[in-house]
């Protein structure tokens, strides 16, 4: 059981665990979950760790098929700039490995932001704390447990 799952159980939150066989050769973790579980891509959110220009780390959750708008994240966090955090810093702060970083049960509670598209969903999917494990839960539960704020963070990929 991962820290994310323990956190949900301790809180009594309604959630569903979805497991799939992770291919260790892939680095497209979100796409792998979408394909393996047959999920709606708009409902699968990746958890990204960014560093603000003042040195703080923050968590951003955006749909897997969107890009994180770092300027929008900086604005939402009250900073001038944001950049993706170094892998080691993200893993150290969250206690999870890349591709398995969950917004729940992190070692350090980082300020969290969720793309506004989550507000239109009945349920969304986030990493369960390891590759091959997804959690389905209501967006309002995710936001409550992570103390996240909604912000327009996603830039849609163009075809």
C-alpha atoms as a PDB file:
ATOM      1  CA  UNK A   1       0.000   0.000   0.000  1.00  0.00           C
ATOM      2  CA  UNK A   2       1.407   3.391  -1.016  1.00  0.00           C
ATOM      3  CA  UNK A   3       1.291   6.544   1.132  1.00  0.00           C
ATOM      4  CA  UNK A   4      -1.336   7.911  -1.291  1.00  0.00           C
ATOM      5  CA  UNK A   5      -3.650   4.948  -0.694  1.00  0.00           C
ATOM      6  CA  UNK A   6      -3.067   5.098   3.064  1.00  0.00           C
ATOM      7  CA  UNK A   7      -3.990   8.783   3.032  1.00  0.00           C
ATOM      8  CA  UNK A   8      -7.269   8.090   1.226  1.00  0.00           C
ATOM      9  CA  UNK A   9      -8.182   5.200   3.511  1.00  0.00           C
ATOM     10  CA  UNK A  10      -7.345   7.178   6.653  1.00  0.00           C
ATOM     11  CA  UNK A  11      -9.597   9.998   5.454  1.00  0.00           C
ATOM     12  CA  UNK A  12     -12.452   7.676   4.456  1.00  0.00           C
ATOM     13  CA  UNK A  13     -12.504   9.122   0.945  1.00  0.00           C
ATOM     14  CA  UNK A  14     -14.377   7.220  -1.761  1.00  0.00           C
ATOM     15  CA  UNK A  15     -11.862   6.076  -4.402  1.00  0.00           C
ATOM     16  CA  UNK A  16     -11.074   3.227  -6.778  1.00  0.00           C
ATOM     17  CA  UNK A  17      -7.658   1.709  -7.416  1.00  0.00           C
ATOM     18  CA  UNK A  18      -6.823   0.753 -10.984  1.00  0.00           C
ATOM     19  CA  UNK A  19      -3.796  -1.436 -11.663  1.00  0.00           C
ATOM     20  CA  UNK A  20      -2.020  -2.226 -14.901  1.00  0.00           C
ATOM     21  CA  UNK A  21       1.252  -3.855 -15.920  1.00  0.00           C
ATOM     22  CA  UNK A  22       3.795  -1.063 -16.297  1.00  0.00           C
ATOM     23  CA  UNK A  23       6.320  -1.521 -19.105  1.00  0.00           C
ATOM     24  CA  UNK A  24       9.682  -0.436 -17.652  1.00  0.00           C
ATOM     25  CA  UNK A  25      10.813   0.691 -21.119  1.00  0.00           C
ATOM     26  CA  UNK A  26       8.175   3.418 -21.341  1.00  0.00           C
ATOM     27  CA  UNK A  27       8.497   6.954 -20.083  1.00  0.00           C
ATOM     28  CA  UNK A  28       5.062   8.035 -21.342  1.00  0.00           C
ATOM     29  CA  UNK A  29       3.509   7.076 -18.010  1.00  0.00           C
ATOM     30  CA  UNK A  30       0.176   8.847 -18.405  1.00  0.00           C
ATOM     31  CA  UNK A  31      -0.337   7.615 -21.949  1.00  0.00           C
ATOM     32  CA  UNK A  32       0.465   4.109 -20.766  1.00  0.00           C
ATOM     33  CA  UNK A  33      -2.267   4.353 -18.104  1.00  0.00           C
ATOM     34  CA  UNK A  34      -4.793   5.711 -20.627  1.00  0.00           C
ATOM     35  CA  UNK A  35      -4.102   2.878 -23.066  1.00  0.00           C
ATOM     36  CA  UNK A  36      -3.820   0.049 -20.527  1.00  0.00           C
ATOM     37  CA  UNK A  37      -6.967   1.013 -18.609  1.00  0.00           C
ATOM     38  CA  UNK A  38      -9.049   2.406 -21.479  1.00  0.00           C
ATOM     39  CA  UNK A  39      -9.515   5.750 -19.721  1.00  0.00           C
ATOM     40  CA  UNK A  40     -10.820   9.026 -21.092  1.00  0.00           C
ATOM     41  CA  UNK A  41      -7.634  11.057 -21.668  1.00  0.00           C
ATOM     42  CA  UNK A  42      -9.294  14.218 -20.308  1.00  0.00           C
ATOM     43  CA  UNK A  43      -9.743  12.503 -16.935  1.00  0.00           C
ATOM     44  CA  UNK A  44      -6.120  11.402 -16.452  1.00  0.00           C
ATOM     45  CA  UNK A  45      -3.974  14.026 -14.725  1.00  0.00           C
ATOM     46  CA  UNK A  46      -0.214  14.061 -14.403  1.00  0.00           C
ATOM     47  CA  UNK A  47       1.399  15.378 -11.244  1.00  0.00           C
ATOM     48  CA  UNK A  48       4.299  17.698 -11.952  1.00  0.00           C
ATOM     49  CA  UNK A  49       6.664  19.373  -9.513  1.00  0.00           C
ATOM     50  CA  UNK A  50       7.922  22.848 -10.350  1.00  0.00           C
ATOM     51  CA  UNK A  51      10.321  25.256  -8.684  1.00  0.00           C
ATOM     52  CA  UNK A  52       9.309  28.896  -8.343  1.00  0.00           C
ATOM     53  CA  UNK A  53      11.804  31.740  -8.720  1.00  0.00           C
ATOM     54  CA  UNK A  54      11.871  32.132  -4.916  1.00  0.00           C
ATOM     55  CA  UNK A  55      13.017  28.500  -4.552  1.00  0.00           C
ATOM     56  CA  UNK A  56       9.719  27.004  -3.370  1.00  0.00           C
ATOM     57  CA  UNK A  57       8.522  23.720  -4.847  1.00  0.00           C
ATOM     58  CA  UNK A  58       4.885  23.428  -5.933  1.00  0.00           C
ATOM     59  CA  UNK A  59       2.722  20.696  -7.445  1.00  0.00           C
ATOM     60  CA  UNK A  60       0.737  21.190 -10.644  1.00  0.00           C
ATOM     61  CA  UNK A  61      -1.864  18.732 -11.903  1.00  0.00           C
ATOM     62  CA  UNK A  62      -2.847  18.930 -15.568  1.00  0.00           C
ATOM     63  CA  UNK A  63      -4.380  16.490 -18.051  1.00  0.00           C
ATOM     64  CA  UNK A  64      -1.826  14.072 -19.469  1.00  0.00           C
ATOM     65  CA  UNK A  65      -2.321  15.307 -23.023  1.00  0.00           C
ATOM     66  CA  UNK A  66      -1.829  18.952 -22.106  1.00  0.00           C
ATOM     67  CA  UNK A  67       1.332  20.898 -21.377  1.00  0.00           C
ATOM     68  CA  UNK A  68       1.816  22.770 -18.147  1.00  0.00           C
ATOM     69  CA  UNK A  69       1.825  26.526 -18.705  1.00  0.00           C
ATOM     70  CA  UNK A  70       4.662  27.520 -16.373  1.00  0.00           C
ATOM     71  CA  UNK A  71       3.787  31.223 -16.579  1.00  0.00           C
ATOM     72  CA  UNK A  72       0.218  30.462 -15.490  1.00  0.00           C
ATOM     73  CA  UNK A  73       1.511  28.314 -12.633  1.00  0.00           C
ATOM     74  CA  UNK A  74       3.841  31.100 -11.473  1.00  0.00           C
ATOM     75  CA  UNK A  75       0.931  33.582 -11.546  1.00  0.00           C
ATOM     76  CA  UNK A  76      -1.324  31.201  -9.592  1.00  0.00           C
ATOM     77  CA  UNK A  77       1.431  30.686  -6.996  1.00  0.00           C
ATOM     78  CA  UNK A  78       2.182  34.393  -6.661  1.00  0.00           C
ATOM     79  CA  UNK A  79       5.631  34.140  -8.251  1.00  0.00           C
ATOM     80  CA  UNK A  80       7.262  35.722 -11.297  1.00  0.00           C
ATOM     81  CA  UNK A  81       8.628  32.522 -12.850  1.00  0.00           C
ATOM     82  CA  UNK A  82       8.384  28.765 -12.581  1.00  0.00           C
ATOM     83  CA  UNK A  83      10.467  25.969 -14.070  1.00  0.00           C
ATOM     84  CA  UNK A  84      10.221  22.218 -13.874  1.00  0.00           C
ATOM     85  CA  UNK A  85      11.957  20.957 -10.729  1.00  0.00           C
ATOM     86  CA  UNK A  86      14.983  18.727 -11.005  1.00  0.00           C
ATOM     87  CA  UNK A  87      14.017  15.038 -10.899  1.00  0.00           C
ATOM     88  CA  UNK A  88      15.988  14.423  -7.703  1.00  0.00           C
ATOM     89  CA  UNK A  89      14.345  17.380  -5.932  1.00  0.00           C
ATOM     90  CA  UNK A  90      10.866  16.222  -6.985  1.00  0.00           C
ATOM     91  CA  UNK A  91      11.521  12.668  -5.803  1.00  0.00           C
ATOM     92  CA  UNK A  92      13.079  13.802  -2.527  1.00  0.00           C
ATOM     93  CA  UNK A  93      10.231  16.221  -1.691  1.00  0.00           C
ATOM     94  CA  UNK A  94       7.400  13.848  -2.615  1.00  0.00           C
ATOM     95  CA  UNK A  95       8.872  10.487  -1.643  1.00  0.00           C
ATOM     96  CA  UNK A  96       7.830   9.060  -5.014  1.00  0.00           C
ATOM     97  CA  UNK A  97       9.715   8.193  -8.222  1.00  0.00           C
ATOM     98  CA  UNK A  98       9.093   9.978 -11.515  1.00  0.00           C
ATOM     99  CA  UNK A  99       6.170   8.426 -13.320  1.00  0.00           C
ATOM    100  CA  UNK A 100       4.665   7.473  -9.979  1.00  0.00           C
ATOM    101  CA  UNK A 101       4.454  10.853  -8.228  1.00  0.00           C
ATOM    102  CA  UNK A 102       1.070  11.101  -6.593  1.00  0.00           C
ATOM    103  CA  UNK A 103      -0.390  14.376  -5.378  1.00  0.00           C
ATOM    104  CA  UNK A 104      -1.544  12.466  -2.285  1.00  0.00           C
ATOM    105  CA  UNK A 105       0.544  11.257   0.643  1.00  0.00           C
ATOM    106  CA  UNK A 106       3.641  13.194  -0.300  1.00  0.00           C
ATOM    107  CA  UNK A 107       6.557  13.316   2.124  1.00  0.00           C
ATOM    108  CA  UNK A 108       6.368  17.127   2.172  1.00  0.00           C
ATOM    109  CA  UNK A 109       3.030  18.833   1.639  1.00  0.00           C
ATOM    110  CA  UNK A 110       3.739  21.167  -1.242  1.00  0.00           C
ATOM    111  CA  UNK A 111       1.376  23.923  -2.387  1.00  0.00           C
ATOM    112  CA  UNK A 112      -0.820  22.349  -5.052  1.00  0.00           C
ATOM    113  CA  UNK A 113      -2.663  23.657  -8.102  1.00  0.00           C
ATOM    114  CA  UNK A 114      -5.120  21.804 -10.352  1.00  0.00           C
ATOM    115  CA  UNK A 115      -6.076  22.793 -13.882  1.00  0.00           C
ATOM    116  CA  UNK A 116      -9.594  24.209 -14.124  1.00  0.00           C
ATOM    117  CA  UNK A 117     -10.627  21.396 -16.486  1.00  0.00           C
ATOM    118  CA  UNK A 118     -10.863  19.135 -13.419  1.00  0.00           C
ATOM    119  CA  UNK A 119     -13.866  21.112 -12.247  1.00  0.00           C
ATOM    120  CA  UNK A 120     -15.912  19.772 -15.178  1.00  0.00           C
ATOM    121  CA  UNK A 121     -15.300  16.103 -14.334  1.00  0.00           C
ATOM    122  CA  UNK A 122     -17.254  13.742 -12.088  1.00  0.00           C
ATOM    123  CA  UNK A 123     -14.077  11.737 -11.499  1.00  0.00           C
ATOM    124  CA  UNK A 124     -10.441  12.031 -12.422  1.00  0.00           C
ATOM    125  CA  UNK A 125      -7.386   9.789 -12.269  1.00  0.00           C
ATOM    126  CA  UNK A 126      -4.027  10.499 -10.646  1.00  0.00           C
ATOM    127  CA  UNK A 127      -1.027   8.345  -9.915  1.00  0.00           C
ATOM    128  CA  UNK A 128      -1.436   6.028  -6.965  1.00  0.00           C
ATOM    129  CA  UNK A 129       2.165   6.471  -5.900  1.00  0.00           C
ATOM    130  CA  UNK A 130       3.891   3.978  -8.148  1.00  0.00           C
ATOM    131  CA  UNK A 131       4.036   3.202 -11.832  1.00  0.00           C
ATOM    132  CA  UNK A 132       1.141   0.954 -12.821  1.00  0.00           C
ATOM    133  CA  UNK A 133      -1.277   2.259 -10.174  1.00  0.00           C
ATOM    134  CA  UNK A 134      -3.948   4.895 -10.772  1.00  0.00           C
ATOM    135  CA  UNK A 135      -6.507   6.308  -8.353  1.00  0.00           C
ATOM    136  CA  UNK A 136      -9.989   7.361  -9.479  1.00  0.00           C
ATOM    137  CA  UNK A 137     -11.611   9.939  -7.204  1.00  0.00           C
ATOM    138  CA  UNK A 138     -13.822  13.006  -7.294  1.00  0.00           C
ATOM    139  CA  UNK A 139     -12.024  16.254  -8.132  1.00  0.00           C
ATOM    140  CA  UNK A 140     -13.403  17.957  -5.007  1.00  0.00           C
ATOM    141  CA  UNK A 141     -11.900  15.183  -2.849  1.00  0.00           C
ATOM    142  CA  UNK A 142      -8.511  15.578  -4.528  1.00  0.00           C
ATOM    143  CA  UNK A 143      -8.624  19.319  -3.990  1.00  0.00           C
ATOM    144  CA  UNK A 144      -9.702  18.981  -0.376  1.00  0.00           C
ATOM    145  CA  UNK A 145      -7.001  16.445   0.500  1.00  0.00           C
ATOM    146  CA  UNK A 146      -4.205  18.344  -1.245  1.00  0.00           C
ATOM    147  CA  UNK A 147      -5.533  21.803  -0.347  1.00  0.00           C
ATOM    148  CA  UNK A 148      -5.166  22.575  -4.046  1.00  0.00           C
ATOM    149  CA  UNK A 149      -6.396  25.664  -5.823  1.00  0.00           C
ATOM    150  CA  UNK A 150      -7.969  25.666  -9.273  1.00  0.00           C
ATOM    151  CA  UNK A 151      -6.103  27.627 -11.931  1.00  0.00           C
ATOM    152  CA  UNK A 152      -5.967  27.606 -15.738  1.00  0.00           C
ATOM    153  CA  UNK A 153      -2.672  25.726 -16.029  1.00  0.00           C
ATOM    154  CA  UNK A 154      -3.028  23.591 -19.150  1.00  0.00           C
ATOM    155  CA  UNK A 155      -1.983  24.430 -22.661  1.00  0.00           C
ATOM    156  CA  UNK A 156      -3.591  21.971 -25.042  1.00  0.00           C
ATOM    157  CA  UNK A 157      -1.300  20.208 -27.472  1.00  0.00           C
ATOM    158  CA  UNK A 158      -1.937  21.155 -31.084  1.00  0.00           C
ATOM    159  CA  UNK A 159      -2.073  18.482 -33.746  1.00  0.00           C
END
